[in-house]
Amino acid sequence: MKKYLFTAIALITGALVFAQDNANTPLSRSYSSEEIAAMGPEKADYLNFIGSRGYIINDMTGKDLSGYPDISELKPRKDGVHPLSAETFDAATFNLLDYNFDLQEGTPLIYRIGNTGKTLFIHSELRMNALYGRNSTNSKAGK
């Protein structure tokens, strides 16, 4: 009896930890549970990867960034998401999945963050797929 009780407690605890981990992902902060359920687990996993590891904030101080579009050109994906600007951009709370963007096959998307000397670098589709594949392989190896 104790063995079954211990197993049940372990399963419930594991499920709660999993639910908490998934409750605060870029995907869950940007999409409703209905939207996530409709897209299926593989697409959801890929989008969550994009939201957490699909971009880099680069410090390019001293470089000419005038040829890059401003971050304000990334438009919100849905109502209630604030437009981006250099003044409002916060790398700690930024969620790429809140904004409309189309991955380019072999070219990264680069946006300057106003006149801060920083850029938002979004990996190309080819690079994103390679990184995602490597991440999936490493995740499976760790199980």
Protein backbone atom coordinates (compact mmCIF):
# COMPACT_ATOMS: atom_id res chain seq x y z
CA MET A 1 0.00 0.00 0.00
CA LYS A 2 2.80 2.43 0.90
CA LYS A 3 4.45 1.63 -2.43
CA TYR A 4 1.33 2.69 -4.36
CA LEU A 5 0.88 5.81 -2.26
CA PHE A 6 4.51 6.82 -2.84
CA THR A 7 4.14 6.21 -6.60
CA ALA A 8 0.94 8.25 -6.74
CA ILE A 9 2.54 11.16 -4.86
CA ALA A 10 5.59 11.04 -7.14
CA LEU A 11 3.38 11.09 -10.26
CA ILE A 12 1.26 13.96 -8.99
CA THR A 13 4.33 15.97 -7.98
CA GLY A 14 5.91 15.35 -11.38
CA ALA A 15 2.76 16.44 -13.17
CA LEU A 16 2.56 19.64 -11.10
CA VAL A 17 6.20 20.50 -11.79
CA PHE A 18 5.68 19.85 -15.53
CA ALA A 19 2.56 22.03 -15.54
CA GLN A 20 4.38 24.85 -13.74
CA ASP A 21 7.35 24.66 -16.12
CA ASN A 22 5.06 24.86 -19.15
CA ALA A 23 2.90 27.61 -17.64
CA ASN A 24 5.67 30.17 -17.98
CA THR A 25 7.13 29.51 -21.42
CA PRO A 26 7.28 32.01 -24.28
CA LEU A 27 4.59 29.98 -26.03
CA SER A 28 2.18 29.89 -23.08
CA ARG A 29 2.64 33.62 -22.48
CA SER A 30 1.80 34.45 -26.10
CA TYR A 31 -0.81 31.85 -27.13
CA SER A 32 -3.97 30.66 -25.41
CA SER A 33 -4.27 27.04 -24.30
CA GLU A 34 -6.81 26.50 -27.10
CA GLU A 35 -4.37 27.82 -29.71
CA ILE A 36 -1.59 25.62 -28.34
CA ALA A 37 -3.83 22.54 -28.34
CA ALA A 38 -4.90 23.23 -31.94
CA MET A 39 -1.31 23.48 -33.22
CA GLY A 40 -0.21 20.10 -31.87
CA PRO A 41 2.80 19.19 -29.74
CA GLU A 42 5.49 19.31 -32.45
CA LYS A 43 4.64 22.81 -33.69
CA ALA A 44 4.17 23.99 -30.10
CA ASP A 45 7.61 22.68 -29.16
CA TYR A 46 9.18 24.36 -32.21
CA LEU A 47 7.52 27.72 -31.51
CA ASN A 48 8.54 27.53 -27.88
CA PHE A 49 12.12 26.91 -29.04
CA ILE A 50 11.94 29.97 -31.31
CA GLY A 51 10.59 32.06 -28.45
CA SER A 52 13.30 31.02 -26.04
CA ARG A 53 16.38 30.42 -28.23
CA GLY A 54 15.59 31.78 -31.67
CA TYR A 55 17.10 35.18 -31.20
CA ILE A 56 20.05 37.02 -29.68
CA ILE A 57 20.42 40.57 -28.42
CA ASN A 58 23.80 41.79 -29.71
CA ASP A 59 25.76 44.78 -28.47
CA MET A 60 27.04 46.44 -31.63
CA THR A 61 28.15 49.71 -30.06
CA GLY A 62 30.33 51.69 -32.43
CA LYS A 63 28.99 49.99 -35.58
CA ASP A 64 26.84 51.71 -38.19
CA LEU A 65 23.38 50.18 -37.72
CA SER A 66 21.50 52.66 -39.90
CA GLY A 67 20.95 50.03 -42.60
CA TYR A 68 18.83 47.85 -40.31
CA PRO A 69 15.14 48.43 -39.71
CA ASP A 70 14.17 49.73 -36.28
CA ILE A 71 12.66 47.32 -33.77
CA SER A 72 9.45 49.37 -33.89
CA GLU A 73 8.80 47.74 -37.28
CA LEU A 74 8.07 44.42 -35.53
CA LYS A 75 4.30 44.65 -35.12
CA PRO A 76 2.30 42.96 -32.36
CA ARG A 77 0.69 39.65 -33.28
CA LYS A 78 -2.49 40.35 -31.31
CA ASP A 79 -4.34 43.05 -29.42
CA GLY A 80 -3.05 43.83 -25.97
CA VAL A 81 0.63 43.53 -26.90
CA HIS A 82 2.47 46.83 -26.70
CA PRO A 83 4.34 48.05 -29.77
CA LEU A 84 8.11 47.90 -29.50
CA SER A 85 10.43 50.86 -29.29
CA ALA A 86 13.95 51.40 -27.99
CA GLU A 87 12.47 53.13 -24.94
CA THR A 88 10.11 50.27 -24.05
CA PHE A 89 12.28 47.32 -25.09
CA ASP A 90 13.27 45.11 -22.15
CA ALA A 91 15.36 42.05 -22.99
CA ALA A 92 14.28 40.37 -19.74
CA THR A 93 10.58 40.43 -20.61
CA PHE A 94 10.73 40.41 -24.42
CA ASN A 95 8.73 37.61 -26.04
CA LEU A 96 9.45 37.23 -29.74
CA LEU A 97 6.26 35.18 -30.17
CA ASP A 98 4.19 38.28 -29.38
CA TYR A 99 5.26 39.84 -32.69
CA ASN A 100 4.74 39.14 -36.39
CA PHE A 101 7.86 38.04 -38.23
CA ASP A 102 8.61 35.69 -41.11
CA LEU A 103 11.78 33.65 -40.87
CA GLN A 104 13.89 34.04 -43.99
CA GLU A 105 15.32 30.84 -45.44
CA GLY A 106 19.01 31.69 -45.29
CA THR A 107 19.12 35.25 -44.01
CA PRO A 108 18.70 36.31 -40.38
CA LEU A 109 16.36 39.14 -39.47
CA ILE A 110 18.20 41.99 -37.77
CA TYR A 111 16.54 44.96 -36.11
CA ARG A 112 18.35 47.83 -34.45
CA ILE A 113 17.02 48.76 -31.04
CA GLY A 114 16.80 52.51 -31.59
CA ASN A 115 20.11 54.27 -31.01
CA THR A 116 21.18 51.96 -28.16
CA GLY A 117 23.90 50.27 -30.20
CA LYS A 118 22.08 46.94 -29.76
CA THR A 119 20.37 44.71 -32.28
CA LEU A 120 17.76 42.00 -32.16
CA PHE A 121 19.16 39.13 -34.26
CA ILE A 122 16.56 36.50 -35.26
CA HIS A 123 18.11 33.36 -36.73
CA SER A 124 17.33 32.36 -40.32
CA GLU A 125 14.97 29.45 -40.93
CA LEU A 126 17.89 27.18 -41.89
CA ARG A 127 19.83 28.06 -38.74
CA MET A 128 16.70 27.79 -36.58
CA ASN A 129 15.98 24.30 -37.90
CA ALA A 130 19.58 23.22 -37.33
CA LEU A 131 19.57 24.56 -33.76
CA TYR A 132 16.18 23.01 -33.08
CA GLY A 133 17.32 19.65 -34.46
CA ARG A 134 20.44 19.73 -32.31
CA ASN A 135 18.37 20.69 -29.26
CA SER A 136 15.90 17.85 -29.91
CA THR A 137 18.70 15.34 -30.31
CA ASN A 138 20.35 16.52 -27.08
CA SER A 139 17.03 16.42 -25.22
CA LYS A 140 16.36 12.85 -26.35
CA ALA A 141 19.89 11.79 -25.40
CA GLY A 142 19.36 13.15 -21.89
CA LYS A 143 16.24 11.05 -21.31
